[in-house]
PDB file of N, CA and C in Angstrom:
ATOM      1  N   MET A   1     -46.713 191.917  81.521  1.00  0.00           N
ATOM      2  CA  MET A   1     -46.567 192.898  82.570  1.00  0.00           C
ATOM      3  C   MET A   1     -46.125 192.202  83.847  1.00  0.00           C
ATOM      4  N   ALA A   2     -45.216 192.798  84.558  1.00  0.00           N
ATOM      5  CA  ALA A   2     -44.726 192.243  85.813  1.00  0.00           C
ATOM      6  C   ALA A   2     -45.794 192.359  86.888  1.00  0.00           C
ATOM      7  N   SER A   3     -45.781 191.396  87.786  1.00  0.00           N
ATOM      8  CA  SER A   3     -46.700 191.437  88.917  1.00  0.00           C
ATOM      9  C   SER A   3     -46.187 192.467  89.917  1.00  0.00           C
ATOM     10  N   VAL A   4     -47.086 193.305  90.385  1.00  0.00           N
ATOM     11  CA  VAL A   4     -46.704 194.375  91.300  1.00  0.00           C
ATOM     12  C   VAL A   4     -47.561 194.279  92.549  1.00  0.00           C
ATOM     13  N   SER A   5     -46.955 194.417  93.705  1.00  0.00           N
ATOM     14  CA  SER A   5     -47.684 194.448  94.962  1.00  0.00           C
ATOM     15  C   SER A   5     -48.040 195.905  95.237  1.00  0.00           C
ATOM     16  N   PHE A   6     -49.196 196.317  94.786  1.00  0.00           N
ATOM     17  CA  PHE A   6     -49.550 197.735  94.811  1.00  0.00           C
ATOM     18  C   PHE A   6     -49.567 198.387  96.188  1.00  0.00           C
ATOM     19  N   PRO A   7     -50.186 197.797  97.203  1.00  0.00           N
ATOM     20  CA  PRO A   7     -50.201 198.501  98.489  1.00  0.00           C
ATOM     21  C   PRO A   7     -48.795 198.754  99.017  1.00  0.00           C
ATOM     22  N   THR A   8     -47.927 197.752  98.927  1.00  0.00           N
ATOM     23  CA  THR A   8     -46.556 197.916  99.400  1.00  0.00           C
ATOM     24  C   THR A   8     -45.816 198.930  98.549  1.00  0.00           C
ATOM     25  N   ASP A   9     -45.905 198.802  97.246  1.00  0.00           N
ATOM     26  CA  ASP A   9     -45.173 199.694  96.357  1.00  0.00           C
ATOM     27  C   ASP A   9     -45.673 201.132  96.450  1.00  0.00           C
ATOM     28  N   ALA A  10     -46.969 201.329  96.514  1.00  0.00           N
ATOM     29  CA  ALA A  10     -47.511 202.690  96.593  1.00  0.00           C
ATOM     30  C   ALA A  10     -47.064 203.361  97.885  1.00  0.00           C
ATOM     31  N   HIS A  11     -47.085 202.635  98.976  1.00  0.00           N
ATOM     32  CA  HIS A  11     -46.678 203.229 100.246  1.00  0.00           C
ATOM     33  C   HIS A  11     -45.168 203.424 100.343  1.00  0.00           C
ATOM     34  N   ALA A  12     -44.415 202.707  99.516  1.00  0.00           N
ATOM     35  CA  ALA A  12     -42.965 202.915  99.477  1.00  0.00           C
ATOM     36  C   ALA A  12     -42.639 204.346  99.056  1.00  0.00           C
ATOM     37  N   ILE A  13     -43.491 204.949  98.258  1.00  0.00           N
ATOM     38  CA  ILE A  13     -43.294 206.342  97.840  1.00  0.00           C
ATOM     39  C   ILE A  13     -43.326 207.253  99.056  1.00  0.00           C
ATOM     40  N   LEU A  14     -44.237 206.988  99.966  1.00  0.00           N
ATOM     41  CA  LEU A  14     -44.370 207.820 101.157  1.00  0.00           C
ATOM     42  C   LEU A  14     -43.292 207.521 102.192  1.00  0.00           C
ATOM     43  N   ARG A  15     -42.811 206.280 102.229  1.00  0.00           N
ATOM     44  CA  ARG A  15     -41.808 205.879 103.214  1.00  0.00           C
ATOM     45  C   ARG A  15     -40.381 206.123 102.740  1.00  0.00           C
ATOM     46  N   ALA A  16     -40.193 206.485 101.507  1.00  0.00           N
ATOM     47  CA  ALA A  16     -38.843 206.658 100.963  1.00  0.00           C
ATOM     48  C   ALA A  16     -38.060 207.678 101.799  1.00  0.00           C
ATOM     49  N   PRO A  17     -36.777 207.437 101.977  1.00  0.00           N
ATOM     50  CA  PRO A  17     -35.976 208.318 102.830  1.00  0.00           C
ATOM     51  C   PRO A  17     -35.725 209.709 102.239  1.00  0.00           C
ATOM     52  N   ASP A  18     -35.871 209.822 100.926  1.00  0.00           N
ATOM     53  CA  ASP A  18     -35.644 211.117 100.286  1.00  0.00           C
ATOM     54  C   ASP A  18     -36.475 211.194  99.004  1.00  0.00           C
ATOM     55  N   LEU A  19     -36.466 212.367  98.400  1.00  0.00           N
ATOM     56  CA  LEU A  19     -37.289 212.601  97.219  1.00  0.00           C
ATOM     57  C   LEU A  19     -36.838 211.782  96.016  1.00  0.00           C
ATOM     58  N   ASP A  20     -35.541 211.602  95.858  1.00  0.00           N
ATOM     59  CA  ASP A  20     -35.053 210.792  94.735  1.00  0.00           C
ATOM     60  C   ASP A  20     -35.522 209.345  94.856  1.00  0.00           C
ATOM     61  N   SER A  21     -35.493 208.811  96.069  1.00  0.00           N
ATOM     62  CA  SER A  21     -35.979 207.442  96.298  1.00  0.00           C
ATOM     63  C   SER A  21     -37.476 207.356  96.059  1.00  0.00           C
ATOM     64  N   ALA A  22     -38.207 208.389  96.465  1.00  0.00           N
ATOM     65  CA  ALA A  22     -39.654 208.425  96.232  1.00  0.00           C
ATOM     66  C   ALA A  22     -39.946 208.440  94.732  1.00  0.00           C
ATOM     67  N   GLU A  23     -39.151 209.179  93.982  1.00  0.00           N
ATOM     68  CA  GLU A  23     -39.341 209.243  92.538  1.00  0.00           C
ATOM     69  C   GLU A  23     -39.067 207.887  91.887  1.00  0.00           C
ATOM     70  N   ARG A  24     -38.030 207.200  92.314  1.00  0.00           N
ATOM     71  CA  ARG A  24     -37.725 205.869  91.765  1.00  0.00           C
ATOM     72  C   ARG A  24     -38.863 204.888  92.066  1.00  0.00           C
ATOM     73  N   ALA A  25     -39.386 204.941  93.271  1.00  0.00           N
ATOM     74  CA  ALA A  25     -40.504 204.056  93.634  1.00  0.00           C
ATOM     75  C   ALA A  25     -41.736 204.385  92.794  1.00  0.00           C
ATOM     76  N   TYR A  26     -41.989 205.662  92.582  1.00  0.00           N
ATOM     77  CA  TYR A  26     -43.138 206.129  91.798  1.00  0.00           C
ATOM     78  C   TYR A  26     -43.036 205.656  90.352  1.00  0.00           C
ATOM     79  N   LEU A  27     -41.877 205.863  89.742  1.00  0.00           N
ATOM     80  CA  LEU A  27     -41.688 205.449  88.352  1.00  0.00           C
ATOM     81  C   LEU A  27     -41.674 203.929  88.235  1.00  0.00           C
ATOM     82  N   GLY A  28     -41.181 203.236  89.252  1.00  0.00           N
ATOM     83  CA  GLY A  28     -41.186 201.787  89.236  1.00  0.00           C
ATOM     84  C   GLY A  28     -42.591 201.215  89.339  1.00  0.00           C
ATOM     85  N   LEU A  29     -43.463 201.919  90.033  1.00  0.00           N
ATOM     86  CA  LEU A  29     -44.843 201.474  90.199  1.00  0.00           C
ATOM     87  C   LEU A  29     -45.622 201.581  88.895  1.00  0.00           C
ATOM     88  N   MET A  30     -45.367 202.651  88.135  1.00  0.00           N
ATOM     89  CA  MET A  30     -46.134 202.901  86.907  1.00  0.00           C
ATOM     90  C   MET A  30     -45.217 203.295  85.755  1.00  0.00           C
ATOM     91  N   PRO A  31     -44.412 202.368  85.263  1.00  0.00           N
ATOM     92  CA  PRO A  31     -43.486 202.719  84.191  1.00  0.00           C
ATOM     93  C   PRO A  31     -44.153 202.899  82.825  1.00  0.00           C
ATOM     94  N   ASP A  32     -45.365 202.367  82.664  1.00  0.00           N
ATOM     95  CA  ASP A  32     -46.019 202.438  81.359  1.00  0.00           C
ATOM     96  C   ASP A  32     -47.537 202.350  81.536  1.00  0.00           C
ATOM     97  N   GLN A  33     -48.239 202.456  80.425  1.00  0.00           N
ATOM     98  CA  GLN A  33     -49.704 202.460  80.458  1.00  0.00           C
ATOM     99  C   GLN A  33     -50.278 201.168  81.033  1.00  0.00           C
ATOM    100  N   ALA A  34     -49.663 200.047  80.757  1.00  0.00           N
ATOM    101  CA  ALA A  34     -50.166 198.774  81.277  1.00  0.00           C
ATOM    102  C   ALA A  34     -50.137 198.756  82.812  1.00  0.00           C
ATOM    103  N   HIS A  35     -49.076 199.286  83.396  1.00  0.00           N
ATOM    104  CA  HIS A  35     -48.983 199.344  84.855  1.00  0.00           C
ATOM    105  C   HIS A  35     -49.984 200.355  85.429  1.00  0.00           C
ATOM    106  N   ILE A  36     -50.181 201.454  84.736  1.00  0.00           N
ATOM    107  CA  ILE A  36     -51.176 202.438  85.176  1.00  0.00           C
ATOM    108  C   ILE A  36     -52.560 201.793  85.192  1.00  0.00           C
ATOM    109  N   ASP A  37     -52.883 201.086  84.125  1.00  0.00           N
ATOM    110  CA  ASP A  37     -54.181 200.411  84.039  1.00  0.00           C
ATOM    111  C   ASP A  37     -54.347 199.384  85.162  1.00  0.00           C
ATOM    112  N   ALA A  38     -53.283 198.652  85.450  1.00  0.00           N
ATOM    113  CA  ALA A  38     -53.341 197.656  86.525  1.00  0.00           C
ATOM    114  C   ALA A  38     -53.571 198.327  87.875  1.00  0.00           C
ATOM    115  N   LEU A  39     -52.941 199.472  88.088  1.00  0.00           N
ATOM    116  CA  LEU A  39     -53.126 200.184  89.349  1.00  0.00           C
ATOM    117  C   LEU A  39     -54.548 200.733  89.462  1.00  0.00           C
ATOM    118  N   VAL A  40     -55.114 201.175  88.357  1.00  0.00           N
ATOM    119  CA  VAL A  40     -56.509 201.630  88.368  1.00  0.00           C
ATOM    120  C   VAL A  40     -57.419 200.473  88.772  1.00  0.00           C
ATOM    121  N   ARG A  41     -57.199 199.307  88.184  1.00  0.00           N
ATOM    122  CA  ARG A  41     -58.024 198.144  88.546  1.00  0.00           C
ATOM    123  C   ARG A  41     -57.847 197.794  90.025  1.00  0.00           C
ATOM    124  N   HIS A  42     -56.632 197.869  90.491  1.00  0.00           N
ATOM    125  CA  HIS A  42     -56.355 197.595  91.899  1.00  0.00           C
ATOM    126  C   HIS A  42     -57.070 198.616  92.797  1.00  0.00           C
ATOM    127  N   ALA A  43     -56.990 199.878  92.428  1.00  0.00           N
ATOM    128  CA  ALA A  43     -57.630 200.934  93.223  1.00  0.00           C
ATOM    129  C   ALA A  43     -59.142 200.758  93.252  1.00  0.00           C
ATOM    130  N   LEU A  44     -59.712 200.365  92.145  1.00  0.00           N
ATOM    131  CA  LEU A  44     -61.155 200.130  92.124  1.00  0.00           C
ATOM    132  C   LEU A  44     -61.534 198.988  93.065  1.00  0.00           C
ATOM    133  N   GLY A  45     -60.701 197.970  93.143  1.00  0.00           N
ATOM    134  CA  GLY A  45     -60.943 196.892  94.099  1.00  0.00           C
ATOM    135  C   GLY A  45     -60.853 197.391  95.532  1.00  0.00           C
ATOM    136  N   LEU A  46     -59.876 198.268  95.804  1.00  0.00           N
ATOM    137  CA  LEU A  46     -59.737 198.831  97.146  1.00  0.00           C
ATOM    138  C   LEU A  46     -60.930 199.697  97.526  1.00  0.00           C
ATOM    139  N   SER A  47     -61.512 200.351  96.541  1.00  0.00           N
ATOM    140  CA  SER A  47     -62.620 201.259  96.842  1.00  0.00           C
ATOM    141  C   SER A  47     -63.818 200.513  97.415  1.00  0.00           C
ATOM    142  N   ARG A  48     -63.852 199.219  97.226  1.00  0.00           N
ATOM    143  CA  ARG A  48     -64.962 198.408  97.730  1.00  0.00           C
ATOM    144  C   ARG A  48     -64.740 197.954  99.174  1.00  0.00           C
ATOM    145  N   VAL A  49     -63.596 198.250  99.724  1.00  0.00           N
ATOM    146  CA  VAL A  49     -63.264 197.853 101.091  1.00  0.00           C
ATOM    147  C   VAL A  49     -63.124 199.121 101.937  1.00  0.00           C
ATOM    148  N   ALA A  50     -63.983 199.265 102.926  1.00  0.00           N
ATOM    149  CA  ALA A  50     -64.021 200.498 103.717  1.00  0.00           C
ATOM    150  C   ALA A  50     -62.669 200.841 104.343  1.00  0.00           C
ATOM    151  N   ASP A  51     -61.940 199.862 104.838  1.00  0.00           N
ATOM    152  CA  ASP A  51     -60.667 200.119 105.524  1.00  0.00           C
ATOM    153  C   ASP A  51     -59.535 200.499 104.573  1.00  0.00           C
ATOM    154  N   ALA A  52     -59.768 200.414 103.294  1.00  0.00           N
ATOM    155  CA  ALA A  52     -58.708 200.676 102.320  1.00  0.00           C
ATOM    156  C   ALA A  52     -58.806 202.069 101.707  1.00  0.00           C
ATOM    157  N   ALA A  53     -59.538 202.967 102.316  1.00  0.00           N
ATOM    158  CA  ALA A  53     -59.757 204.292 101.734  1.00  0.00           C
ATOM    159  C   ALA A  53     -58.450 205.050 101.492  1.00  0.00           C
ATOM    160  N   ARG A  54     -57.513 204.959 102.417  1.00  0.00           N
ATOM    161  CA  ARG A  54     -56.237 205.666 102.255  1.00  0.00           C
ATOM    162  C   ARG A  54     -55.465 205.113 101.059  1.00  0.00           C
ATOM    163  N   GLY A  55     -55.427 203.791 100.911  1.00  0.00           N
ATOM    164  CA  GLY A  55     -54.747 203.177  99.766  1.00  0.00           C
ATOM    165  C   GLY A  55     -55.417 203.525  98.455  1.00  0.00           C
ATOM    166  N   TYR A  56     -56.741 203.574  98.478  1.00  0.00           N
ATOM    167  CA  TYR A  56     -57.482 203.956  97.274  1.00  0.00           C
ATOM    168  C   TYR A  56     -57.147 205.389  96.877  1.00  0.00           C
ATOM    169  N   ALA A  57     -57.188 206.285  97.841  1.00  0.00           N
ATOM    170  CA  ALA A  57     -56.905 207.692  97.550  1.00  0.00           C
ATOM    171  C   ALA A  57     -55.490 207.870  96.999  1.00  0.00           C
ATOM    172  N   LEU A  58     -54.536 207.201  97.611  1.00  0.00           N
ATOM    173  CA  LEU A  58     -53.150 207.296  97.150  1.00  0.00           C
ATOM    174  C   LEU A  58     -53.015 206.727  95.739  1.00  0.00           C
ATOM    175  N   SER A  59     -53.601 205.573  95.495  1.00  0.00           N
ATOM    176  CA  SER A  59     -53.485 204.936  94.180  1.00  0.00           C
ATOM    177  C   SER A  59     -54.071 205.814  93.082  1.00  0.00           C
ATOM    178  N   MET A  60     -55.256 206.338  93.305  1.00  0.00           N
ATOM    179  CA  MET A  60     -55.894 207.157  92.274  1.00  0.00           C
ATOM    180  C   MET A  60     -55.150 208.478  92.065  1.00  0.00           C
ATOM    181  N   THR A  61     -54.605 209.044  93.126  1.00  0.00           N
ATOM    182  CA  THR A  61     -53.803 210.259  92.993  1.00  0.00           C
ATOM    183  C   THR A  61     -52.576 209.984  92.144  1.00  0.00           C
ATOM    184  N   LEU A  62     -51.895 208.878  92.411  1.00  0.00           N
ATOM    185  CA  LEU A  62     -50.692 208.539  91.654  1.00  0.00           C
ATOM    186  C   LEU A  62     -51.002 208.278  90.187  1.00  0.00           C
ATOM    187  N   VAL A  63     -52.111 207.617  89.929  1.00  0.00           N
ATOM    188  CA  VAL A  63     -52.501 207.357  88.538  1.00  0.00           C
ATOM    189  C   VAL A  63     -52.721 208.682  87.805  1.00  0.00           C
ATOM    190  N   GLY A  64     -53.450 209.591  88.409  1.00  0.00           N
ATOM    191  CA  GLY A  64     -53.705 210.884  87.773  1.00  0.00           C
ATOM    192  C   GLY A  64     -52.424 211.649  87.493  1.00  0.00           C
ATOM    193  N   LEU A  65     -51.520 211.643  88.452  1.00  0.00           N
ATOM    194  CA  LEU A  65     -50.252 212.344  88.272  1.00  0.00           C
ATOM    195  C   LEU A  65     -49.438 211.728  87.142  1.00  0.00           C
ATOM    196  N   ARG A  66     -49.387 210.403  87.117  1.00  0.00           N
ATOM    197  CA  ARG A  66     -48.574 209.731  86.096  1.00  0.00           C
ATOM    198  C   ARG A  66     -49.152 209.924  84.701  1.00  0.00           C
ATOM    199  N   LEU A  67     -50.468 209.905  84.587  1.00  0.00           N
ATOM    200  CA  LEU A  67     -51.086 210.147  83.284  1.00  0.00           C
ATOM    201  C   LEU A  67     -50.751 211.547  82.776  1.00  0.00           C
ATOM    202  N   GLN A  68     -50.731 212.532  83.663  1.00  0.00           N
ATOM    203  CA  GLN A  68     -50.340 213.884  83.261  1.00  0.00           C
ATOM    204  C   GLN A  68     -48.906 213.912  82.767  1.00  0.00           C
ATOM    205  N   GLU A  69     -48.023 213.234  83.491  1.00  0.00           N
ATOM    206  CA  GLU A  69     -46.611 213.219  83.113  1.00  0.00           C
ATOM    207  C   GLU A  69     -46.370 212.626  81.738  1.00  0.00           C
ATOM    208  N   LEU A  70     -47.143 211.624  81.380  1.00  0.00           N
ATOM    209  CA  LEU A  70     -46.936 210.970  80.089  1.00  0.00           C
ATOM    210  C   LEU A  70     -47.182 211.916  78.922  1.00  0.00           C
ATOM    211  N   GLU A  71     -47.877 213.007  79.183  1.00  0.00           N
ATOM    212  CA  GLU A  71     -48.144 214.001  78.140  1.00  0.00           C
ATOM    213  C   GLU A  71     -47.056 215.080  78.071  1.00  0.00           C
ATOM    214  N   MET A  72     -46.129 215.085  79.006  1.00  0.00           N
ATOM    215  CA  MET A  72     -45.096 216.123  79.093  1.00  0.00           C
ATOM    216  C   MET A  72     -43.779 215.620  78.517  1.00  0.00           C
ATOM    217  N   ASP A  73     -42.916 216.581  78.143  1.00  0.00           N
ATOM    218  CA  ASP A  73     -41.561 216.168  77.792  1.00  0.00           C
ATOM    219  C   ASP A  73     -40.814 215.856  79.082  1.00  0.00           C
ATOM    220  N   GLU A  74     -39.715 215.123  78.986  1.00  0.00           N
ATOM    221  CA  GLU A  74     -39.055 214.601  80.188  1.00  0.00           C
ATOM    222  C   GLU A  74     -38.570 215.686  81.157  1.00  0.00           C
ATOM    223  N   PRO A  75     -37.933 216.769  80.705  1.00  0.00           N
ATOM    224  CA  PRO A  75     -37.506 217.784  81.680  1.00  0.00           C
ATOM    225  C   PRO A  75     -38.687 218.378  82.464  1.00  0.00           C
ATOM    226  N   CYS A  76     -39.780 218.630  81.777  1.00  0.00           N
ATOM    227  CA  CYS A  76     -40.966 219.172  82.431  1.00  0.00           C
ATOM    228  C   CYS A  76     -41.568 218.135  83.380  1.00  0.00           C
ATOM    229  N   ALA A  77     -41.638 216.884  82.932  1.00  0.00           N
ATOM    230  CA  ALA A  77     -42.197 215.812  83.759  1.00  0.00           C
ATOM    231  C   ALA A  77     -41.366 215.619  85.026  1.00  0.00           C
ATOM    232  N   THR A  78     -40.048 215.697  84.899  1.00  0.00           N
ATOM    233  CA  THR A  78     -39.175 215.524  86.057  1.00  0.00           C
ATOM    234  C   THR A  78     -39.398 216.627  87.078  1.00  0.00           C
ATOM    235  N   ALA A  79     -39.459 217.868  86.635  1.00  0.00           N
ATOM    236  CA  ALA A  79     -39.695 218.993  87.549  1.00  0.00           C
ATOM    237  C   ALA A  79     -41.070 218.876  88.209  1.00  0.00           C
ATOM    238  N   HIS A  80     -42.075 218.541  87.429  1.00  0.00           N
ATOM    239  CA  HIS A  80     -43.438 218.376  87.951  1.00  0.00           C
ATOM    240  C   HIS A  80     -43.474 217.245  88.976  1.00  0.00           C
ATOM    241  N   ARG A  81     -42.828 216.137  88.666  1.00  0.00           N
ATOM    242  CA  ARG A  81     -42.815 214.961  89.545  1.00  0.00           C
ATOM    243  C   ARG A  81     -42.180 215.283  90.891  1.00  0.00           C
ATOM    244  N   GLN A  82     -41.030 215.943  90.860  1.00  0.00           N
ATOM    245  CA  GLN A  82     -40.336 216.282  92.103  1.00  0.00           C
ATOM    246  C   GLN A  82     -41.215 217.165  92.993  1.00  0.00           C
ATOM    247  N   SER A  83     -41.802 218.174  92.414  1.00  0.00           N
ATOM    248  CA  SER A  83     -42.665 219.088  93.167  1.00  0.00           C
ATOM    249  C   SER A  83     -43.892 218.365  93.719  1.00  0.00           C
ATOM    250  N   THR A  84     -44.520 217.568  92.887  1.00  0.00           N
ATOM    251  CA  THR A  84     -45.733 216.860  93.285  1.00  0.00           C
ATOM    252  C   THR A  84     -45.448 215.836  94.376  1.00  0.00           C
ATOM    253  N   LEU A  85     -44.381 215.062  94.212  1.00  0.00           N
ATOM    254  CA  LEU A  85     -44.058 214.052  95.224  1.00  0.00           C
ATOM    255  C   LEU A  85     -43.696 214.697  96.559  1.00  0.00           C
ATOM    256  N   ARG A  86     -43.002 215.823  96.524  1.00  0.00           N
ATOM    257  CA  ARG A  86     -42.669 216.540  97.759  1.00  0.00           C
ATOM    258  C   ARG A  86     -43.952 216.930  98.489  1.00  0.00           C
ATOM    259  N   ASN A  87     -44.886 217.522  97.758  1.00  0.00           N
ATOM    260  CA  ASN A  87     -46.144 217.953  98.360  1.00  0.00           C
ATOM    261  C   ASN A  87     -46.979 216.769  98.842  1.00  0.00           C
ATOM    262  N   LEU A  88     -47.053 215.719  98.057  1.00  0.00           N
ATOM    263  CA  LEU A  88     -47.836 214.547  98.419  1.00  0.00           C
ATOM    264  C   LEU A  88     -47.300 213.909  99.701  1.00  0.00           C
ATOM    265  N   ARG A  89     -45.989 213.789  99.790  1.00  0.00           N
ATOM    266  CA  ARG A  89     -45.381 213.204 100.985  1.00  0.00           C
ATOM    267  C   ARG A  89     -45.660 214.060 102.220  1.00  0.00           C
ATOM    268  N   GLN A  90     -45.644 215.366 102.073  1.00  0.00           N
ATOM    269  CA  GLN A  90     -45.947 216.252 103.198  1.00  0.00           C
ATOM    270  C   GLN A  90     -47.389 216.106 103.656  1.00  0.00           C
ATOM    271  N   VAL A  91     -48.298 216.029 102.702  1.00  0.00           N
ATOM    272  CA  VAL A  91     -49.719 215.892 103.030  1.00  0.00           C
ATOM    273  C   VAL A  91     -49.979 214.586 103.762  1.00  0.00           C
ATOM    274  N   TYR A  92     -49.447 213.482 103.243  1.00  0.00           N
ATOM    275  CA  TYR A  92     -49.690 212.189 103.877  1.00  0.00           C
ATOM    276  C   TYR A  92     -48.974 212.092 105.222  1.00  0.00           C
ATOM    277  N   ALA A  93     -47.821 212.737 105.375  1.00  0.00           N
ATOM    278  CA  ALA A  93     -47.129 212.721 106.665  1.00  0.00           C
ATOM    279  C   ALA A  93     -47.922 213.487 107.722  1.00  0.00           C
ATOM    280  N   ALA A  94     -48.596 214.524 107.299  1.00  0.00           N
ATOM    281  CA  ALA A  94     -49.377 215.341 108.240  1.00  0.00           C
ATOM    282  C   ALA A  94     -50.703 214.687 108.612  1.00  0.00           C
ATOM    283  N   ALA A  95     -51.171 213.747 107.799  1.00  0.00           N
ATOM    284  CA  ALA A  95     -52.483 213.131 108.048  1.00  0.00           C
ATOM    285  C   ALA A  95     -52.435 212.083 109.130  1.00  0.00           C
TER     286      ALA A  95
END
């Protein structure tokens, strides 16, 4: 498994200039089950640090979304992903 800088990569989803870029960052962060598992471990480590609450919340949200997508066929997953990322970016921008 490739080494991933989770805080930087996870926040790249929120900083992306458009939804397509956010989707590429999202899929790049968790392309498979091994990466999802690594992000879960990373998020659990963040949960132990009080100042990392925002990163923890984002990481666990992304893991849940990606696990759902893995159960869908690709057209459905793509539509779900676009809608979810749009909403997630709006929520975090407003916070």
